[in-house]
Amino acid sequence: FRQHWGVDLKGNFRALATNVRAGGVRQGASTITQQLARGLFLGSERTMTRKLQEMAIAVGLEILLTKEQILEMYLNSVYFGRMGAMGGAGTRGIAGVGEAAWRMYGVPVDSLDLGQCATLVGTIPAPNLYSPLRRPDHALRRRWSVLHDMLETGVLDSTVAYATAGLPLKVRPTPAPEDRFSACVSAAKQELSAQLSKDALEHWGLEVFTTIDPVWQARAERELTRGVQAQEGWRGREREALQGAFVLLDAPSGEVRAIVGGRADTPSQFNRVTQAKRQPG
């Protein structure tokens, strides 16, 4: 990583020969810079054309950025697997080393110790297989592999490496913040999905800032529910819950201050603001 210009030519020629013999993509030789290029600008499609594009972008990144900047961007966007009930609907992807530190250890990234850092680095090639939360036995072996590499390259001395290898994983799973304002989130995701690659929301570790006013949003959710319930009583509807939607705009700027996609007491994945093709009124 410290010596190449974004591309490992020997590794790529070896992978190319393997893929030509196999008649398809069977092996990759992407450097960290190439992986960053793929994550930022390209999809996950495995083709020769995409590989050539990836290599060209990687060289451009090496020209424009320092090695430290490339490594920082890579670690802030790389995928660290999913956290939640195994196979359940409540699992969420973890993107970036900052979120991984919080979700797996409950601390900011600059508070991680050597063993925790080595564990996180070890999970990157196969995040779910080497997850310290799901497969601690695999995570311990991967941690030692990382420590051994550091020992071999002179980054660590043997005393520190073996002492760290003997420590427990010390994971402290921390759940993600509770979802709030689901209609606003779904509207933002819909907007971003139209502008970014399909893997961006899951793997880029984005922080998205909106013009939503949390106080007005909470009040709008309460009032919409109260309003449609009052209409239900007046109309005598008993078999089906009456629904509604609400948008609050700041007229001078056009900024969206609140979005309510339905009644709060009948949660749904359907956002009536952005998905229902109905006349407002």
C-alpha atoms as a PDB file:
ATOM      1  CA  PHE A   1       0.000   0.000   0.000  1.00  0.00           C
ATOM      2  CA  ARG A   2       2.770   2.436   0.868  1.00  0.00           C
ATOM      3  CA  GLN A   3       4.706   1.792  -2.345  1.00  0.00           C
ATOM      4  CA  HIS A   4       2.180   1.176  -5.141  1.00  0.00           C
ATOM      5  CA  TRP A   5       0.403   3.813  -7.260  1.00  0.00           C
ATOM      6  CA  GLY A   6      -3.045   2.401  -6.656  1.00  0.00           C
ATOM      7  CA  VAL A   7      -2.596  -0.809  -8.638  1.00  0.00           C
ATOM      8  CA  ASP A   8      -0.708  -4.022  -7.881  1.00  0.00           C
ATOM      9  CA  LEU A   9       0.316  -4.981 -11.418  1.00  0.00           C
ATOM     10  CA  LYS A  10       1.738  -8.397 -10.500  1.00  0.00           C
ATOM     11  CA  GLY A  11      -1.394  -9.294  -8.536  1.00  0.00           C
ATOM     12  CA  ASN A  12      -3.679  -8.058 -11.315  1.00  0.00           C
ATOM     13  CA  PHE A  13      -1.869 -10.019 -14.034  1.00  0.00           C
ATOM     14  CA  ARG A  14      -2.038 -13.143 -11.861  1.00  0.00           C
ATOM     15  CA  ALA A  15      -5.784 -12.618 -11.292  1.00  0.00           C
ATOM     16  CA  LEU A  16      -6.307 -11.854 -15.005  1.00  0.00           C
ATOM     17  CA  ALA A  17      -4.636 -15.123 -16.028  1.00  0.00           C
ATOM     18  CA  THR A  18      -6.758 -17.062 -13.526  1.00  0.00           C
ATOM     19  CA  ASN A  19      -9.964 -15.407 -14.738  1.00  0.00           C
ATOM     20  CA  VAL A  20      -9.163 -15.991 -18.421  1.00  0.00           C
ATOM     21  CA  ARG A  21      -8.553 -19.681 -17.746  1.00  0.00           C
ATOM     22  CA  ALA A  22     -11.803 -19.898 -15.770  1.00  0.00           C
ATOM     23  CA  GLY A  23     -13.805 -17.986 -18.394  1.00  0.00           C
ATOM     24  CA  GLY A  24     -15.094 -15.491 -15.814  1.00  0.00           C
ATOM     25  CA  VAL A  25     -14.176 -13.503 -12.724  1.00  0.00           C
ATOM     26  CA  ARG A  26     -12.858 -15.957 -10.127  1.00  0.00           C
ATOM     27  CA  GLN A  27     -10.073 -13.987  -8.474  1.00  0.00           C
ATOM     28  CA  GLY A  28      -9.421 -10.349  -7.661  1.00  0.00           C
ATOM     29  CA  ALA A  29      -6.305  -8.409  -6.753  1.00  0.00           C
ATOM     30  CA  SER A  30      -7.785  -5.086  -5.732  1.00  0.00           C
ATOM     31  CA  THR A  31      -5.622  -2.809  -3.622  1.00  0.00           C
ATOM     32  CA  ILE A  32      -7.124  -0.689  -0.852  1.00  0.00           C
ATOM     33  CA  THR A  33      -7.192   2.227  -3.304  1.00  0.00           C
ATOM     34  CA  GLN A  34      -9.051   0.133  -5.877  1.00  0.00           C
ATOM     35  CA  GLN A  35     -11.551  -0.990  -3.265  1.00  0.00           C
ATOM     36  CA  LEU A  36     -12.110   2.662  -2.327  1.00  0.00           C
ATOM     37  CA  ALA A  37     -12.572   3.586  -6.002  1.00  0.00           C
ATOM     38  CA  ARG A  38     -15.109   0.784  -6.439  1.00  0.00           C
ATOM     39  CA  GLY A  39     -17.039   1.781  -3.337  1.00  0.00           C
ATOM     40  CA  LEU A  40     -17.152   5.482  -4.216  1.00  0.00           C
ATOM     41  CA  PHE A  41     -17.795   5.407  -7.946  1.00  0.00           C
ATOM     42  CA  LEU A  42     -18.633   1.913  -9.192  1.00  0.00           C
ATOM     43  CA  GLY A  43     -21.074  -0.875  -8.402  1.00  0.00           C
ATOM     44  CA  SER A  44     -20.401  -4.429  -7.295  1.00  0.00           C
ATOM     45  CA  GLU A  45     -20.634  -5.886 -10.822  1.00  0.00           C
ATOM     46  CA  ARG A  46     -17.759  -8.303 -11.471  1.00  0.00           C
ATOM     47  CA  THR A  47     -16.634  -7.664 -15.058  1.00  0.00           C
ATOM     48  CA  MET A  48     -13.371  -6.964 -16.842  1.00  0.00           C
ATOM     49  CA  THR A  49     -14.617  -3.515 -17.930  1.00  0.00           C
ATOM     50  CA  ARG A  50     -15.406  -2.516 -14.366  1.00  0.00           C
ATOM     51  CA  LYS A  51     -11.996  -3.747 -13.229  1.00  0.00           C
ATOM     52  CA  LEU A  52     -10.253  -1.522 -15.793  1.00  0.00           C
ATOM     53  CA  GLN A  53     -12.356   1.472 -14.702  1.00  0.00           C
ATOM     54  CA  GLU A  54     -11.505   0.697 -11.083  1.00  0.00           C
ATOM     55  CA  MET A  55      -7.776   0.655 -11.852  1.00  0.00           C
ATOM     56  CA  ALA A  56      -7.932   3.995 -13.703  1.00  0.00           C
ATOM     57  CA  ILE A  57      -9.843   5.691 -10.877  1.00  0.00           C
ATOM     58  CA  ALA A  58      -7.441   4.231  -8.301  1.00  0.00           C
ATOM     59  CA  VAL A  59      -4.456   5.808 -10.064  1.00  0.00           C
ATOM     60  CA  GLY A  60      -6.313   9.132 -10.119  1.00  0.00           C
ATOM     61  CA  LEU A  61      -6.984   8.901  -6.384  1.00  0.00           C
ATOM     62  CA  GLU A  62      -3.294   8.209  -5.733  1.00  0.00           C
ATOM     63  CA  ILE A  63      -2.367  11.350  -7.681  1.00  0.00           C
ATOM     64  CA  LEU A  64      -4.879  13.576  -5.882  1.00  0.00           C
ATOM     65  CA  LEU A  65      -4.694  12.238  -2.318  1.00  0.00           C
ATOM     66  CA  THR A  66      -2.067  11.232   0.198  1.00  0.00           C
ATOM     67  CA  LYS A  67      -1.790   7.648   1.429  1.00  0.00           C
ATOM     68  CA  GLU A  68      -3.158   8.739   4.812  1.00  0.00           C
ATOM     69  CA  GLN A  69      -6.217  10.342   3.186  1.00  0.00           C
ATOM     70  CA  ILE A  70      -6.889   7.234   1.097  1.00  0.00           C
ATOM     71  CA  LEU A  71      -6.618   4.956   4.122  1.00  0.00           C
ATOM     72  CA  GLU A  72      -8.852   7.239   6.186  1.00  0.00           C
ATOM     73  CA  MET A  73     -11.516   7.356   3.462  1.00  0.00           C
ATOM     74  CA  TYR A  74     -11.348   3.583   3.075  1.00  0.00           C
ATOM     75  CA  LEU A  75     -11.731   2.910   6.796  1.00  0.00           C
ATOM     76  CA  ASN A  76     -14.583   5.433   7.051  1.00  0.00           C
ATOM     77  CA  SER A  77     -16.560   3.668   4.324  1.00  0.00           C
ATOM     78  CA  VAL A  78     -15.612  -0.020   4.442  1.00  0.00           C
ATOM     79  CA  TYR A  79     -18.362  -2.506   5.324  1.00  0.00           C
ATOM     80  CA  PHE A  80     -18.148  -4.226   8.723  1.00  0.00           C
ATOM     81  CA  GLY A  81     -21.093  -6.616   8.419  1.00  0.00           C
ATOM     82  CA  ARG A  82     -24.507  -6.627  10.049  1.00  0.00           C
ATOM     83  CA  MET A  83     -25.539  -6.365  13.664  1.00  0.00           C
ATOM     84  CA  GLY A  84     -28.767  -7.575  15.254  1.00  0.00           C
ATOM     85  CA  ALA A  85     -30.653 -10.807  15.645  1.00  0.00           C
ATOM     86  CA  MET A  86     -29.047 -13.497  13.495  1.00  0.00           C
ATOM     87  CA  GLY A  87     -30.954 -13.580  10.236  1.00  0.00           C
ATOM     88  CA  GLY A  88     -33.673 -11.362  11.658  1.00  0.00           C
ATOM     89  CA  ALA A  89     -35.343  -8.363  10.110  1.00  0.00           C
ATOM     90  CA  GLY A  90     -33.825  -6.109  12.755  1.00  0.00           C
ATOM     91  CA  THR A  91     -30.263  -6.478  11.509  1.00  0.00           C
ATOM     92  CA  ARG A  92     -28.466  -3.387  10.236  1.00  0.00           C
ATOM     93  CA  GLY A  93     -25.366  -2.883   8.189  1.00  0.00           C
ATOM     94  CA  ILE A  94     -22.323  -1.284   9.846  1.00  0.00           C
ATOM     95  CA  ALA A  95     -20.367   1.104   7.614  1.00  0.00           C
ATOM     96  CA  GLY A  96     -17.071   2.669   8.591  1.00  0.00           C
ATOM     97  CA  VAL A  97     -14.705   2.064  11.472  1.00  0.00           C
ATOM     98  CA  GLY A  98     -16.330   4.817  13.566  1.00  0.00           C
ATOM     99  CA  GLU A  99     -19.717   3.101  13.580  1.00  0.00           C
ATOM    100  CA  ALA A 100     -18.071  -0.310  14.042  1.00  0.00           C
ATOM    101  CA  ALA A 101     -16.266   0.941  17.173  1.00  0.00           C
ATOM    102  CA  TRP A 102     -19.515   2.226  18.687  1.00  0.00           C
ATOM    103  CA  ARG A 103     -21.658  -0.741  17.713  1.00  0.00           C
ATOM    104  CA  MET A 104     -19.190  -3.469  18.702  1.00  0.00           C
ATOM    105  CA  TYR A 105     -17.335  -1.889  21.622  1.00  0.00           C
ATOM    106  CA  GLY A 106     -19.422   1.081  22.742  1.00  0.00           C
ATOM    107  CA  VAL A 107     -16.508   3.540  22.445  1.00  0.00           C
ATOM    108  CA  PRO A 108     -15.320   6.148  19.916  1.00  0.00           C
ATOM    109  CA  VAL A 109     -12.738   4.925  17.453  1.00  0.00           C
ATOM    110  CA  ASP A 110      -9.886   6.830  19.110  1.00  0.00           C
ATOM    111  CA  SER A 111     -10.522   4.895  22.354  1.00  0.00           C
ATOM    112  CA  LEU A 112      -9.986   1.451  20.839  1.00  0.00           C
ATOM    113  CA  ASP A 113      -7.057  -0.546  22.193  1.00  0.00           C
ATOM    114  CA  LEU A 114      -4.612  -2.557  20.070  1.00  0.00           C
ATOM    115  CA  GLY A 115      -6.563  -5.810  20.341  1.00  0.00           C
ATOM    116  CA  GLN A 116      -9.833  -4.181  19.349  1.00  0.00           C
ATOM    117  CA  CYS A 117      -8.210  -2.451  16.366  1.00  0.00           C
ATOM    118  CA  ALA A 118      -6.669  -5.734  15.212  1.00  0.00           C
ATOM    119  CA  THR A 119     -10.037  -7.477  15.567  1.00  0.00           C
ATOM    120  CA  LEU A 120     -11.826  -4.874  13.432  1.00  0.00           C
ATOM    121  CA  VAL A 121      -9.136  -4.962  10.745  1.00  0.00           C
ATOM    122  CA  GLY A 122      -9.328  -8.750  10.735  1.00  0.00           C
ATOM    123  CA  THR A 123     -13.054  -8.747   9.997  1.00  0.00           C
ATOM    124  CA  ILE A 124     -12.825  -6.663   6.794  1.00  0.00           C
ATOM    125  CA  PRO A 125     -12.267  -9.508   4.264  1.00  0.00           C
ATOM    126  CA  ALA A 126     -15.428 -11.355   5.415  1.00  0.00           C
ATOM    127  CA  PRO A 127     -17.263  -9.203   7.984  1.00  0.00           C
ATOM    128  CA  ASN A 128     -20.070 -11.595   8.892  1.00  0.00           C
ATOM    129  CA  LEU A 129     -17.850 -14.693   8.954  1.00  0.00           C
ATOM    130  CA  TYR A 130     -15.212 -13.038  11.177  1.00  0.00           C
ATOM    131  CA  SER A 131     -17.572 -10.943  13.299  1.00  0.00           C
ATOM    132  CA  PRO A 132     -16.527 -10.895  16.983  1.00  0.00           C
ATOM    133  CA  LEU A 133     -20.230 -10.697  17.853  1.00  0.00           C
ATOM    134  CA  ARG A 134     -21.325 -13.727  15.828  1.00  0.00           C
ATOM    135  CA  ARG A 135     -18.182 -15.865  15.429  1.00  0.00           C
ATOM    136  CA  PRO A 136     -15.776 -15.079  18.302  1.00  0.00           C
ATOM    137  CA  ASP A 137     -13.684 -18.177  17.531  1.00  0.00           C
ATOM    138  CA  HIS A 138     -13.050 -16.977  13.974  1.00  0.00           C
ATOM    139  CA  ALA A 139     -12.497 -13.416  15.201  1.00  0.00           C
ATOM    140  CA  LEU A 140      -9.783 -14.559  17.615  1.00  0.00           C
ATOM    141  CA  ARG A 141      -7.923 -16.370  14.831  1.00  0.00           C
ATOM    142  CA  ARG A 142      -8.211 -13.364  12.544  1.00  0.00           C
ATOM    143  CA  ARG A 143      -6.988 -11.046  15.306  1.00  0.00           C
ATOM    144  CA  TRP A 144      -3.887 -13.177  15.715  1.00  0.00           C
ATOM    145  CA  SER A 145      -3.328 -13.116  11.945  1.00  0.00           C
ATOM    146  CA  VAL A 146      -3.307  -9.303  12.015  1.00  0.00           C
ATOM    147  CA  LEU A 147      -1.032  -9.189  15.066  1.00  0.00           C
ATOM    148  CA  HIS A 148       1.302 -11.705  13.396  1.00  0.00           C
ATOM    149  CA  ASP A 149       1.511  -9.509  10.281  1.00  0.00           C
ATOM    150  CA  MET A 150       2.359  -6.521  12.494  1.00  0.00           C
ATOM    151  CA  LEU A 151       5.002  -8.602  14.244  1.00  0.00           C
ATOM    152  CA  GLU A 152       6.488  -9.780  10.936  1.00  0.00           C
ATOM    153  CA  THR A 153       6.713  -6.217   9.571  1.00  0.00           C
ATOM    154  CA  GLY A 154       8.295  -4.853  12.753  1.00  0.00           C
ATOM    155  CA  VAL A 155       5.345  -2.717  13.848  1.00  0.00           C
ATOM    156  CA  LEU A 156       5.044  -4.677  17.113  1.00  0.00           C
ATOM    157  CA  ASP A 157       7.538  -6.516  19.262  1.00  0.00           C
ATOM    158  CA  SER A 158       6.819 -10.089  20.279  1.00  0.00           C
ATOM    159  CA  THR A 159       6.030  -9.236  23.914  1.00  0.00           C
ATOM    160  CA  VAL A 160       3.214  -6.852  22.979  1.00  0.00           C
ATOM    161  CA  ALA A 161       1.892  -9.120  20.206  1.00  0.00           C
ATOM    162  CA  TYR A 162       1.640 -12.228  22.390  1.00  0.00           C
ATOM    163  CA  ALA A 163       0.255 -10.296  25.356  1.00  0.00           C
ATOM    164  CA  THR A 164      -2.478  -8.803  23.136  1.00  0.00           C
ATOM    165  CA  ALA A 165      -3.246 -12.198  21.605  1.00  0.00           C
ATOM    166  CA  GLY A 166      -4.011 -13.547  25.084  1.00  0.00           C
ATOM    167  CA  LEU A 167      -6.654 -10.913  25.884  1.00  0.00           C
ATOM    168  CA  PRO A 168     -10.414 -11.522  25.539  1.00  0.00           C
ATOM    169  CA  LEU A 169     -12.270  -9.836  22.665  1.00  0.00           C
ATOM    170  CA  LYS A 170     -13.980  -7.408  25.082  1.00  0.00           C
ATOM    171  CA  VAL A 171     -16.959  -6.770  22.800  1.00  0.00           C
ATOM    172  CA  ARG A 172     -19.833  -4.695  24.147  1.00  0.00           C
ATOM    173  CA  PRO A 173     -22.650  -4.713  21.582  1.00  0.00           C
ATOM    174  CA  THR A 174     -24.378  -1.338  21.451  1.00  0.00           C
ATOM    175  CA  PRO A 175     -27.683  -1.097  19.576  1.00  0.00           C
ATOM    176  CA  ALA A 176     -28.202   1.600  16.990  1.00  0.00           C
ATOM    177  CA  PRO A 177     -30.321   4.583  18.050  1.00  0.00           C
ATOM    178  CA  GLU A 178     -34.034   3.935  17.883  1.00  0.00           C
ATOM    179  CA  ASP A 179     -35.642   4.822  14.577  1.00  0.00           C
ATOM    180  CA  ARG A 180     -37.617   8.057  14.649  1.00  0.00           C
ATOM    181  CA  PHE A 181     -39.512   9.933  11.968  1.00  0.00           C
ATOM    182  CA  SER A 182     -39.702   6.970   9.589  1.00  0.00           C
ATOM    183  CA  ALA A 183     -41.454   8.964   6.839  1.00  0.00           C
ATOM    184  CA  CYS A 184     -38.620  11.517   6.778  1.00  0.00           C
ATOM    185  CA  VAL A 185     -36.010   8.764   6.669  1.00  0.00           C
ATOM    186  CA  SER A 186     -37.752   6.909   3.841  1.00  0.00           C
ATOM    187  CA  ALA A 187     -38.119  10.147   1.845  1.00  0.00           C
ATOM    188  CA  ALA A 188     -34.408  10.919   2.290  1.00  0.00           C
ATOM    189  CA  LYS A 189     -33.441   7.372   1.281  1.00  0.00           C
ATOM    190  CA  GLN A 190     -35.640   7.577  -1.788  1.00  0.00           C
ATOM    191  CA  GLU A 191     -33.997  10.853  -2.816  1.00  0.00           C
ATOM    192  CA  LEU A 192     -30.480   9.540  -2.210  1.00  0.00           C
ATOM    193  CA  SER A 193     -31.140   6.249  -4.025  1.00  0.00           C
ATOM    194  CA  ALA A 194     -31.985   8.223  -7.167  1.00  0.00           C
ATOM    195  CA  GLN A 195     -28.659  10.089  -7.021  1.00  0.00           C
ATOM    196  CA  LEU A 196     -26.117   7.606  -5.623  1.00  0.00           C
ATOM    197  CA  SER A 197     -25.073   4.038  -6.373  1.00  0.00           C
ATOM    198  CA  LYS A 198     -27.249   1.277  -4.948  1.00  0.00           C
ATOM    199  CA  ASP A 199     -24.632   0.299  -2.321  1.00  0.00           C
ATOM    200  CA  ALA A 200     -24.110   3.835  -1.024  1.00  0.00           C
ATOM    201  CA  LEU A 201     -26.712   3.845   1.760  1.00  0.00           C
ATOM    202  CA  GLU A 202     -25.503   0.532   3.135  1.00  0.00           C
ATOM    203  CA  HIS A 203     -21.750   0.802   2.696  1.00  0.00           C
ATOM    204  CA  TRP A 204     -20.641   4.426   2.546  1.00  0.00           C
ATOM    205  CA  GLY A 205     -21.198   5.319   6.201  1.00  0.00           C
ATOM    206  CA  LEU A 206     -23.005   8.517   5.216  1.00  0.00           C
ATOM    207  CA  GLU A 207     -24.248  11.196   7.570  1.00  0.00           C
ATOM    208  CA  VAL A 208     -27.257  12.853   5.944  1.00  0.00           C
ATOM    209  CA  PHE A 209     -28.416  16.296   7.052  1.00  0.00           C
ATOM    210  CA  THR A 210     -31.979  17.400   6.302  1.00  0.00           C
ATOM    211  CA  THR A 211     -34.082  20.520   6.887  1.00  0.00           C
ATOM    212  CA  ILE A 212     -36.576  18.612   9.078  1.00  0.00           C
ATOM    213  CA  ASP A 213     -37.473  20.400  12.321  1.00  0.00           C
ATOM    214  CA  PRO A 214     -37.661  17.666  15.015  1.00  0.00           C
ATOM    215  CA  VAL A 215     -40.095  19.656  17.189  1.00  0.00           C
ATOM    216  CA  TRP A 216     -42.495  20.343  14.328  1.00  0.00           C
ATOM    217  CA  GLN A 217     -42.090  16.780  13.058  1.00  0.00           C
ATOM    218  CA  ALA A 218     -43.078  15.238  16.405  1.00  0.00           C
ATOM    219  CA  ARG A 219     -46.034  17.612  16.713  1.00  0.00           C
ATOM    220  CA  ALA A 220     -47.182  16.913  13.155  1.00  0.00           C
ATOM    221  CA  GLU A 221     -47.147  13.153  13.796  1.00  0.00           C
ATOM    222  CA  ARG A 222     -49.260  13.585  16.938  1.00  0.00           C
ATOM    223  CA  GLU A 223     -51.732  15.971  15.304  1.00  0.00           C
ATOM    224  CA  LEU A 224     -52.225  13.891  12.175  1.00  0.00           C
ATOM    225  CA  THR A 225     -53.070  10.846  14.272  1.00  0.00           C
ATOM    226  CA  ARG A 226     -55.429  12.881  16.440  1.00  0.00           C
ATOM    227  CA  GLY A 227     -57.079  14.462  13.409  1.00  0.00           C
ATOM    228  CA  VAL A 228     -57.810  11.276  11.501  1.00  0.00           C
ATOM    229  CA  GLN A 229     -59.049   9.580  14.674  1.00  0.00           C
ATOM    230  CA  ALA A 230     -61.532  12.442  15.132  1.00  0.00           C
ATOM    231  CA  GLN A 231     -62.700  12.004  11.537  1.00  0.00           C
ATOM    232  CA  GLU A 232     -63.103   8.282  12.131  1.00  0.00           C
ATOM    233  CA  GLY A 233     -65.466   8.928  15.043  1.00  0.00           C
ATOM    234  CA  TRP A 234     -67.494  11.423  13.010  1.00  0.00           C
ATOM    235  CA  ARG A 235     -67.843   9.128  10.022  1.00  0.00           C
ATOM    236  CA  GLY A 236     -68.498   6.038  12.105  1.00  0.00           C
ATOM    237  CA  ARG A 237     -65.725   4.012  10.447  1.00  0.00           C
ATOM    238  CA  GLU A 238     -65.039   0.891  12.460  1.00  0.00           C
ATOM    239  CA  ARG A 239     -63.602  -1.762  10.173  1.00  0.00           C
ATOM    240  CA  GLU A 240     -60.691   0.162   8.619  1.00  0.00           C
ATOM    241  CA  ALA A 241     -58.389   2.781  10.123  1.00  0.00           C
ATOM    242  CA  LEU A 242     -58.617   6.129   8.334  1.00  0.00           C
ATOM    243  CA  GLN A 243     -55.276   7.304   7.003  1.00  0.00           C
ATOM    244  CA  GLY A 244     -53.682  10.602   6.116  1.00  0.00           C
ATOM    245  CA  ALA A 245     -50.438  12.326   5.169  1.00  0.00           C
ATOM    246  CA  PHE A 246     -48.921  15.724   5.902  1.00  0.00           C
ATOM    247  CA  VAL A 247     -46.092  17.915   4.610  1.00  0.00           C
ATOM    248  CA  LEU A 248     -44.923  21.182   6.149  1.00  0.00           C
ATOM    249  CA  LEU A 249     -42.938  23.532   3.893  1.00  0.00           C
ATOM    250  CA  ASP A 250     -41.082  26.716   4.730  1.00  0.00           C
ATOM    251  CA  ALA A 251     -42.665  28.916   2.075  1.00  0.00           C
ATOM    252  CA  PRO A 252     -39.818  31.441   1.511  1.00  0.00           C
ATOM    253  CA  SER A 253     -37.093  28.798   1.129  1.00  0.00           C
ATOM    254  CA  GLY A 254     -39.118  25.762   0.025  1.00  0.00           C
ATOM    255  CA  GLU A 255     -37.368  23.658   2.691  1.00  0.00           C
ATOM    256  CA  VAL A 256     -39.267  20.664   4.044  1.00  0.00           C
ATOM    257  CA  ARG A 257     -39.822  20.953   7.816  1.00  0.00           C
ATOM    258  CA  ALA A 258     -42.011  17.888   8.451  1.00  0.00           C
ATOM    259  CA  ILE A 259     -43.191  14.792   6.599  1.00  0.00           C
ATOM    260  CA  VAL A 260     -45.809  12.437   8.019  1.00  0.00           C
ATOM    261  CA  GLY A 261     -46.535   9.404   5.871  1.00  0.00           C
ATOM    262  CA  GLY A 262     -49.373   7.927   7.932  1.00  0.00           C
ATOM    263  CA  ARG A 263     -50.829   7.436  11.380  1.00  0.00           C
ATOM    264  CA  ALA A 264     -48.293   6.830  14.122  1.00  0.00           C
ATOM    265  CA  ASP A 265     -50.408   4.049  15.663  1.00  0.00           C
ATOM    266  CA  THR A 266     -50.507   2.038  12.422  1.00  0.00           C
ATOM    267  CA  PRO A 267     -46.844   1.694  11.398  1.00  0.00           C
ATOM    268  CA  SER A 268     -46.278   0.882   7.743  1.00  0.00           C
ATOM    269  CA  GLN A 269     -43.482   0.816   5.181  1.00  0.00           C
ATOM    270  CA  PHE A 270     -45.744   2.792   2.838  1.00  0.00           C
ATOM    271  CA  ASN A 271     -45.055   6.535   2.815  1.00  0.00           C
ATOM    272  CA  ARG A 272     -48.205   8.293   1.627  1.00  0.00           C
ATOM    273  CA  VAL A 273     -46.301  11.528   1.012  1.00  0.00           C
ATOM    274  CA  THR A 274     -43.825  10.184  -1.561  1.00  0.00           C
ATOM    275  CA  GLN A 275     -45.444   6.941  -2.723  1.00  0.00           C
ATOM    276  CA  ALA A 276     -49.187   7.591  -2.918  1.00  0.00           C
ATOM    277  CA  LYS A 277     -50.177   9.232  -6.220  1.00  0.00           C
ATOM    278  CA  ARG A 278     -53.136  11.190  -4.890  1.00  0.00           C
ATOM    279  CA  GLN A 279     -54.510  14.680  -5.196  1.00  0.00           C
ATOM    280  CA  PRO A 280     -53.642  16.860  -2.174  1.00  0.00           C
ATOM    281  CA  GLY A 281     -56.489  18.518  -0.334  1.00  0.00           C
END
